């Protein structure tokens, strides 16, 4: 059964004109050759996946080839009906089968239902079930008694009994338990604890960066060594934040952030000091760092030493915190409402509640200041510690 039309490929042949490089044309010929001979080993399974479940033809063909010996669709339809009864969409079923197509041929009562119920008992409910298992499909192939239950009991010793934290770990590291043995996790936890990362620090690192706990022994030790080389010690509570940041960023990206600070006149010693005081600073995007440095130096007239001593100022949102509070402080100073000069850096460190209380001290001008403050606030906000900048670790 042919699944790719050769005409659709020839329609794009004009893209490979006489000016194309020979190598590009060879790649095209190889692609066409493979496509033109693309066939399906199990047509009935292929048609069911494509027509009834909206699988892509490529995925359906791959599954039908792998399970070409399957003659009846009874078990597959039973699995699909069960998954749909649990709230799975067709797209989530396809995603679940992407890495573990054997699920489509599993026993509902012996393999699937007990595992789904296990996670439901932990607090996983609709409409999140389909999305969760589509991202963690290997959990459905693990042994419940030999793998899932012991592993989760072990992880909860670190996280505590908060099941929301458990699901955060899964959301940030697909197939976290399914692909790793307890012995590997235990070794990495033991090593991190030997580095002084214990209690709430250990659980916080597991929630934020579960991939660290899956690392090879040598890779984890190398990561910690890089942090220690930056001047951290095993008795420093900032070490865990340095490890988090260095695991988020490639060495190349880390170097670019360092060079950005250098370009504004910060020395290597300044950079090292800033990193030790606020490791999360290097997770901030280059664009935000650049805009922040320019504002503090050119507009707020900060000395660079202030930023070196208080680098977390660069982690605050310019739109939602820095600029609005700067404007308000300028108004207050222009009205000469302060008996004693107030440091802008100290103003930035105030919580939102404390800042509003600070404004309320100026009774006669409070309404004007509040209106001005709200006028400068923008509807969008940017995080000071954006974990989405993290890059997957090996």
Protein backbone atom coordinates (compact mmCIF):
# COMPACT_ATOMS: atom_id res chain seq x y z
CA UNK A 1 0.00 0.00 0.00
CA UNK A 2 1.53 3.28 -1.15
CA UNK A 3 1.23 6.11 1.39
CA UNK A 4 3.23 8.93 -0.25
CA UNK A 5 2.26 10.31 -3.63
CA UNK A 6 5.22 10.66 -5.96
CA UNK A 7 3.41 13.52 -7.70
CA UNK A 8 3.54 15.58 -4.51
CA UNK A 9 7.30 15.23 -4.51
CA UNK A 10 7.70 16.04 -8.20
CA UNK A 11 5.61 19.18 -7.66
CA UNK A 12 8.53 20.54 -5.61
CA UNK A 13 11.15 19.45 -8.13
CA UNK A 14 11.56 23.04 -9.32
CA UNK A 15 13.25 23.76 -5.99
CA UNK A 16 16.20 21.67 -7.19
CA UNK A 17 17.15 23.72 -10.23
CA UNK A 18 20.41 23.73 -12.10
CA UNK A 19 21.98 26.09 -9.58
CA UNK A 20 21.47 23.60 -6.73
CA UNK A 21 24.53 22.00 -5.26
CA UNK A 22 25.12 18.38 -6.39
CA UNK A 23 24.93 17.19 -2.77
CA UNK A 24 21.43 18.68 -2.38
CA UNK A 25 20.25 16.91 -5.50
CA UNK A 26 21.66 13.59 -4.28
CA UNK A 27 19.80 14.01 -0.98
CA UNK A 28 16.63 14.69 -2.96
CA UNK A 29 17.07 11.53 -5.02
CA UNK A 30 17.67 9.48 -1.88
CA UNK A 31 14.56 10.94 -0.28
CA UNK A 32 12.43 10.23 -3.37
CA UNK A 33 13.78 6.72 -3.66
CA UNK A 34 12.88 5.96 -0.05
CA UNK A 35 9.47 7.62 -0.33
CA UNK A 36 8.49 5.90 -3.54
CA UNK A 37 9.07 2.45 -1.99
CA UNK A 38 7.34 3.28 1.30
CA UNK A 39 4.79 0.54 1.97
CA UNK A 40 2.71 -0.81 4.84
CA UNK A 41 3.03 -4.29 6.30
CA UNK A 42 -0.28 -4.36 8.17
CA UNK A 43 -2.90 -2.43 6.16
CA UNK A 44 -5.82 -3.05 8.54
CA UNK A 45 -3.89 -1.70 11.54
CA UNK A 46 -2.53 1.18 9.46
CA UNK A 47 -6.00 2.19 8.26
CA UNK A 48 -7.46 2.02 11.76
CA UNK A 49 -4.73 4.23 13.22
CA UNK A 50 -4.95 6.79 10.42
CA UNK A 51 -8.69 6.92 9.76
CA UNK A 52 -10.10 6.31 13.23
CA UNK A 53 -7.43 7.85 15.46
CA UNK A 54 -5.86 10.45 13.17
CA UNK A 55 -2.32 9.10 13.55
CA UNK A 56 0.11 10.50 11.02
CA UNK A 57 0.77 8.14 8.12
CA UNK A 58 4.45 7.90 9.05
CA UNK A 59 3.70 6.93 12.66
CA UNK A 60 0.95 4.51 11.63
CA UNK A 61 3.23 2.90 9.08
CA UNK A 62 6.01 2.48 11.63
CA UNK A 63 3.65 0.81 14.12
CA UNK A 64 2.03 -1.43 11.52
CA UNK A 65 5.47 -2.56 10.32
CA UNK A 66 6.60 -3.33 13.86
CA UNK A 67 3.43 -5.24 14.64
CA UNK A 68 2.88 -6.81 11.26
CA UNK A 69 2.08 -10.15 12.94
CA UNK A 70 -1.05 -8.72 14.61
CA UNK A 71 -4.10 -10.03 12.80
CA UNK A 72 -6.94 -8.83 15.03
CA UNK A 73 -7.65 -5.27 16.11
CA UNK A 74 -9.77 -6.38 19.06
CA UNK A 75 -7.10 -5.75 21.72
CA UNK A 76 -6.06 -2.42 20.17
CA UNK A 77 -9.65 -1.19 20.07
CA UNK A 78 -10.09 -2.27 23.68
CA UNK A 79 -7.03 -0.23 24.69
CA UNK A 80 -8.23 2.80 22.73
CA UNK A 81 -11.71 2.62 24.27
CA UNK A 82 -10.18 2.41 27.74
CA UNK A 83 -7.88 5.39 27.15
CA UNK A 84 -10.75 7.44 25.76
CA UNK A 85 -12.84 6.55 28.82
CA UNK A 86 -10.05 8.08 30.92
CA UNK A 87 -10.18 11.33 28.97
CA UNK A 88 -7.48 10.75 26.33
CA UNK A 89 -7.93 12.59 23.04
CA UNK A 90 -6.86 11.03 19.74
CA UNK A 91 -3.79 13.28 19.72
CA UNK A 92 -2.85 12.15 23.23
CA UNK A 93 -3.27 8.50 22.28
CA UNK A 94 -0.97 9.06 19.29
CA UNK A 95 1.57 10.83 21.50
CA UNK A 96 1.39 8.03 24.08
CA UNK A 97 2.09 5.46 21.37
CA UNK A 98 4.93 7.43 19.84
CA UNK A 99 7.62 6.01 22.14
CA UNK A 100 5.73 3.00 23.51
CA UNK A 101 3.56 1.60 20.67
CA UNK A 102 3.29 -1.71 22.57
CA UNK A 103 0.72 0.01 24.77
CA UNK A 104 -1.76 -0.36 21.89
CA UNK A 105 -1.54 -4.13 22.34
CA UNK A 106 -1.43 -4.30 26.15
CA UNK A 107 -3.95 -5.90 28.47
CA UNK A 108 -6.30 -3.26 29.81
CA UNK A 109 -7.13 -5.10 33.03
CA UNK A 110 -3.69 -6.49 33.85
CA UNK A 111 -1.41 -3.70 32.64
CA UNK A 112 -3.13 -0.38 32.02
CA UNK A 113 -6.02 0.03 34.44
CA UNK A 114 -3.99 -0.73 37.63
CA UNK A 115 -1.30 1.83 36.70
CA UNK A 116 -3.78 4.54 35.76
CA UNK A 117 -5.64 3.92 39.03
CA UNK A 118 -2.36 4.08 40.95
CA UNK A 119 -1.69 7.60 39.66
CA UNK A 120 -5.32 8.59 40.13
CA UNK A 121 -4.99 7.61 43.78
CA UNK A 122 -2.00 9.95 43.96
CA UNK A 123 -4.22 12.81 42.81
CA UNK A 124 -4.03 12.70 39.01
CA UNK A 125 -7.48 13.51 37.64
CA UNK A 126 -9.18 14.51 34.42
CA UNK A 127 -8.55 16.50 32.31
CA UNK A 128 -4.86 16.03 33.09
CA UNK A 129 -4.63 12.22 32.76
CA UNK A 130 -4.28 12.09 28.97
CA UNK A 131 -1.65 14.83 28.84
CA UNK A 132 0.32 13.30 31.71
CA UNK A 133 0.59 9.83 30.20
CA UNK A 134 1.15 11.15 26.68
CA UNK A 135 4.28 12.80 28.09
CA UNK A 136 5.20 9.86 30.35
CA UNK A 137 3.98 6.87 28.35
CA UNK A 138 6.80 4.62 29.57
CA UNK A 139 5.15 4.61 33.01
CA UNK A 140 2.44 2.41 31.50
CA UNK A 141 5.01 -0.20 30.51
CA UNK A 142 6.69 -0.47 33.93
CA UNK A 143 5.96 -3.10 36.50
CA UNK A 144 3.63 -1.59 39.08
CA UNK A 145 4.88 -3.66 42.01
CA UNK A 146 8.54 -3.97 41.07
CA UNK A 147 9.17 -0.51 39.62
CA UNK A 148 6.54 2.19 40.09
CA UNK A 149 5.53 1.71 43.71
CA UNK A 150 9.11 1.29 45.10
CA UNK A 151 10.46 4.16 42.99
CA UNK A 152 7.76 6.62 43.99
CA UNK A 153 8.10 5.65 47.64
CA UNK A 154 11.81 6.39 47.33
CA UNK A 155 11.27 9.77 45.62
CA UNK A 156 8.70 10.80 48.22
CA UNK A 157 11.35 10.37 50.91
CA UNK A 158 13.02 13.39 49.31
CA UNK A 159 9.94 15.36 48.28
CA UNK A 160 7.70 14.53 51.21
CA UNK A 161 4.05 13.60 50.81
CA UNK A 162 3.12 16.54 48.58
CA UNK A 163 1.90 14.79 45.44
CA UNK A 164 1.80 18.08 43.53
CA UNK A 165 5.59 18.18 43.82
CA UNK A 166 5.74 14.61 42.55
CA UNK A 167 3.83 15.56 39.41
CA UNK A 168 6.06 18.61 38.93
CA UNK A 169 9.01 16.26 38.71
CA UNK A 170 7.28 14.22 36.02
CA UNK A 171 6.26 17.32 34.08
CA UNK A 172 9.86 18.52 33.94
CA UNK A 173 11.48 15.19 33.16
CA UNK A 174 9.40 12.86 31.01
CA UNK A 175 9.62 9.22 32.00
CA UNK A 176 11.63 10.15 35.08
CA UNK A 177 11.06 6.94 37.06
CA UNK A 178 10.49 4.58 34.16
CA UNK A 179 13.94 5.04 32.68
CA UNK A 180 16.00 5.05 35.85
CA UNK A 181 16.65 2.56 38.59
CA UNK A 182 16.48 3.33 42.29
CA UNK A 183 20.17 2.50 42.68
CA UNK A 184 21.17 5.30 40.26
CA UNK A 185 18.90 7.83 41.95
CA UNK A 186 20.13 6.74 45.36
CA UNK A 187 23.80 7.18 44.39
CA UNK A 188 23.22 10.67 43.03
CA UNK A 189 21.21 11.73 46.07
CA UNK A 190 23.91 10.36 48.37
CA UNK A 191 26.59 12.29 46.47
CA UNK A 192 24.62 15.57 46.54
CA UNK A 193 24.04 15.15 50.27
CA UNK A 194 27.78 14.67 50.73
CA UNK A 195 28.18 18.09 49.06
CA UNK A 196 25.96 19.67 51.71
CA UNK A 197 22.79 19.70 49.62
CA UNK A 198 20.25 18.27 52.03
CA UNK A 199 16.69 18.71 53.26
CA UNK A 200 14.71 21.48 51.57
CA UNK A 201 17.61 22.29 49.23
CA UNK A 202 17.67 18.72 47.93
CA UNK A 203 13.89 18.56 47.47
CA UNK A 204 13.87 21.96 45.75
CA UNK A 205 16.59 20.84 43.33
CA UNK A 206 14.64 17.66 42.57
CA UNK A 207 11.49 19.66 41.81
CA UNK A 208 13.30 22.16 39.61
CA UNK A 209 15.94 20.00 37.93
CA UNK A 210 15.04 16.30 38.12
CA UNK A 211 17.39 15.60 35.19
CA UNK A 212 20.32 16.21 37.53
CA UNK A 213 19.28 13.12 39.49
CA UNK A 214 19.39 11.03 36.30
CA UNK A 215 22.94 12.01 35.39
CA UNK A 216 25.81 9.56 35.09
CA UNK A 217 28.05 9.63 38.15
CA UNK A 218 30.89 11.22 36.19
CA UNK A 219 28.66 13.90 34.66
CA UNK A 220 27.20 14.88 38.05
CA UNK A 221 30.65 15.13 39.62
CA UNK A 222 31.85 17.25 36.71
CA UNK A 223 28.87 19.58 37.16
CA UNK A 224 29.58 20.01 40.87
CA UNK A 225 33.30 20.51 40.16
CA UNK A 226 32.49 23.37 37.79
CA UNK A 227 30.45 25.05 40.52
CA UNK A 228 33.17 24.57 43.12
CA UNK A 229 35.73 26.01 40.69
CA UNK A 230 33.69 29.24 40.67
CA UNK A 231 34.46 29.72 44.35
CA UNK A 232 31.55 27.95 46.02
CA UNK A 233 32.13 25.61 48.92
CA UNK A 234 30.23 22.53 50.03
CA UNK A 235 29.05 24.36 53.15
CA UNK A 236 27.59 27.24 51.10
CA UNK A 237 23.81 27.33 50.75
CA UNK A 238 24.33 28.96 47.35
CA UNK A 239 26.02 25.86 45.91
CA UNK A 240 22.69 24.26 45.01
CA UNK A 241 21.70 27.39 43.03
CA UNK A 242 25.02 27.35 41.18
CA UNK A 243 24.51 23.69 40.25
CA UNK A 244 20.99 24.48 39.08
CA UNK A 245 22.21 27.32 36.85
CA UNK A 246 25.17 25.42 35.40
CA UNK A 247 22.94 22.50 34.56
CA UNK A 248 20.49 24.85 32.81
CA UNK A 249 23.12 26.48 30.61
CA UNK A 250 25.64 25.11 28.19
CA UNK A 251 29.22 26.24 28.77
CA UNK A 252 28.95 28.33 25.60
CA UNK A 253 25.83 30.15 26.84
CA UNK A 254 27.39 30.71 30.26
CA UNK A 255 30.47 32.18 28.56
CA UNK A 256 28.31 34.54 26.47
CA UNK A 257 26.63 35.91 29.60
CA UNK A 258 30.07 36.40 31.17
CA UNK A 259 31.33 38.22 28.09
CA UNK A 260 28.23 40.44 28.08
CA UNK A 261 29.13 41.68 31.56
CA UNK A 262 32.73 42.18 30.42
CA UNK A 263 31.49 44.36 27.55
CA UNK A 264 29.95 46.75 30.09
CA UNK A 265 33.20 47.07 32.01
CA UNK A 266 32.69 44.38 34.64
CA UNK A 267 35.94 42.55 35.38
CA UNK A 268 36.23 38.78 35.65
CA UNK A 269 36.40 39.17 39.43
CA UNK A 270 33.20 41.24 39.29
CA UNK A 271 31.49 38.53 37.24
CA UNK A 272 32.60 35.81 39.64
CA UNK A 273 31.36 37.82 42.62
CA UNK A 274 27.99 38.45 40.98
CA UNK A 275 27.60 34.78 40.14
CA UNK A 276 28.43 33.70 43.69
CA UNK A 277 25.94 36.18 45.13
CA UNK A 278 23.14 35.44 42.66
CA UNK A 279 23.73 32.31 40.53
CA UNK A 280 20.25 32.69 39.02
CA UNK A 281 21.42 35.92 37.38
CA UNK A 282 23.06 33.91 34.61
CA UNK A 283 19.74 32.25 33.77
CA UNK A 284 18.31 35.65 32.80
CA UNK A 285 18.20 36.21 29.05
CA UNK A 286 20.97 38.22 27.39
CA UNK A 287 18.46 40.80 26.15
CA UNK A 288 17.04 41.39 29.62
CA UNK A 289 20.53 41.63 31.14
CA UNK A 290 21.61 44.14 28.52
CA UNK A 291 18.52 46.33 28.98
CA UNK A 292 18.84 46.11 32.75
CA UNK A 293 22.51 47.10 32.83
CA UNK A 294 21.85 50.01 30.48
CA UNK A 295 18.96 51.26 32.62
CA UNK A 296 20.77 51.04 35.94
CA UNK A 297 23.98 52.62 34.65
CA UNK A 298 22.68 55.17 32.15
CA UNK A 299 19.30 56.15 33.66
CA UNK A 300 19.43 55.33 37.36
CA UNK A 301 23.13 56.31 37.43
CA UNK A 302 24.19 53.29 39.44
CA UNK A 303 27.87 52.73 39.99
CA UNK A 304 28.87 49.30 38.66
CA UNK A 305 29.94 48.35 42.18
CA UNK A 306 26.31 48.59 43.32
CA UNK A 307 25.33 45.94 40.79
CA UNK A 308 28.30 43.81 41.81
CA UNK A 309 27.22 43.95 45.44
CA UNK A 310 23.51 43.56 44.64
CA UNK A 311 23.31 41.63 41.35
CA UNK A 312 19.75 40.49 42.06
CA UNK A 313 18.64 44.00 41.01
CA UNK A 314 19.21 42.81 37.45
CA UNK A 315 16.81 39.92 37.99
CA UNK A 316 13.83 42.16 38.75
CA UNK A 317 11.35 42.86 35.97
CA UNK A 318 12.08 46.20 34.31
CA UNK A 319 8.46 46.65 33.23
CA UNK A 320 6.73 45.57 36.42
CA UNK A 321 9.10 46.66 39.13
CA UNK A 322 12.20 48.64 38.24
CA UNK A 323 10.89 51.37 35.94
CA UNK A 324 7.56 52.01 37.77
CA UNK A 325 9.29 52.33 41.14
CA UNK A 326 12.01 54.52 39.66
CA UNK A 327 9.37 56.88 38.25
CA UNK A 328 7.57 57.08 41.59
CA UNK A 329 10.79 57.78 43.48
CA UNK A 330 11.58 60.57 41.02
CA UNK A 331 8.16 62.14 41.64
CA UNK A 332 8.65 61.90 45.40
CA UNK A 333 12.08 63.51 45.15
CA UNK A 334 10.83 66.25 42.83
CA UNK A 335 8.16 67.13 45.40
CA UNK A 336 10.81 67.03 48.13
CA UNK A 337 8.67 64.73 50.22
CA UNK A 338 11.60 62.82 51.68
CA UNK A 339 13.33 64.17 54.74
CA UNK A 340 16.18 61.78 54.12
CA UNK A 341 17.32 60.52 50.73
CA UNK A 342 16.09 57.02 49.95
CA UNK A 343 18.30 54.58 48.03
CA UNK A 344 16.66 53.34 44.84
CA UNK A 345 18.33 49.98 45.42
CA UNK A 346 16.58 49.70 48.79
CA UNK A 347 13.29 50.69 47.19
CA UNK A 348 13.66 47.83 44.72
CA UNK A 349 14.17 45.31 47.50
CA UNK A 350 10.83 46.14 49.14
CA UNK A 351 8.01 43.66 48.65
CA UNK A 352 5.00 44.97 46.74
CA UNK A 353 3.09 45.30 50.01
CA UNK A 354 5.92 47.23 51.68
CA UNK A 355 6.33 49.48 48.65
CA UNK A 356 2.65 50.42 48.71
CA UNK A 357 2.95 51.12 52.44
CA UNK A 358 5.93 53.35 51.64
CA UNK A 359 3.77 55.32 49.20
CA UNK A 360 0.92 55.57 51.72
CA UNK A 361 3.18 57.52 54.12
CA UNK A 362 2.78 60.55 51.87
CA UNK A 363 -0.84 61.11 52.82
CA UNK A 364 -1.47 64.28 50.82
CA UNK A 365 0.09 62.90 47.64
CA UNK A 366 -0.80 59.21 48.02
CA UNK A 367 -3.61 59.16 45.45
CA UNK A 368 -1.48 60.87 42.81
CA UNK A 369 1.42 58.51 43.48
CA UNK A 370 -0.78 55.41 43.28
CA UNK A 371 -2.31 56.57 39.99
CA UNK A 372 1.13 57.27 38.57
CA UNK A 373 2.42 53.91 39.78
CA UNK A 374 -0.43 51.95 38.21
CA UNK A 375 -0.06 53.93 34.98
CA UNK A 376 3.54 52.74 34.61
CA UNK A 377 2.71 49.08 35.27
CA UNK A 378 2.40 47.08 32.06
CA UNK A 379 -0.05 44.17 31.63
CA UNK A 380 2.71 41.64 30.92
CA UNK A 381 5.28 40.45 33.40
CA UNK A 382 8.66 38.79 33.07
CA UNK A 383 10.06 36.32 35.55
CA UNK A 384 13.27 37.09 37.37
CA UNK A 385 14.22 33.41 37.33
CA UNK A 386 12.87 31.90 34.17
CA UNK A 387 13.28 28.16 34.31
CA UNK A 388 12.18 27.91 30.70
CA UNK A 389 15.67 29.04 29.75
CA UNK A 390 16.99 25.76 31.08
CA UNK A 391 18.43 23.48 28.46
CA UNK A 392 17.99 19.72 28.80
CA UNK A 393 20.94 18.08 30.46
CA UNK A 394 22.44 14.88 29.15
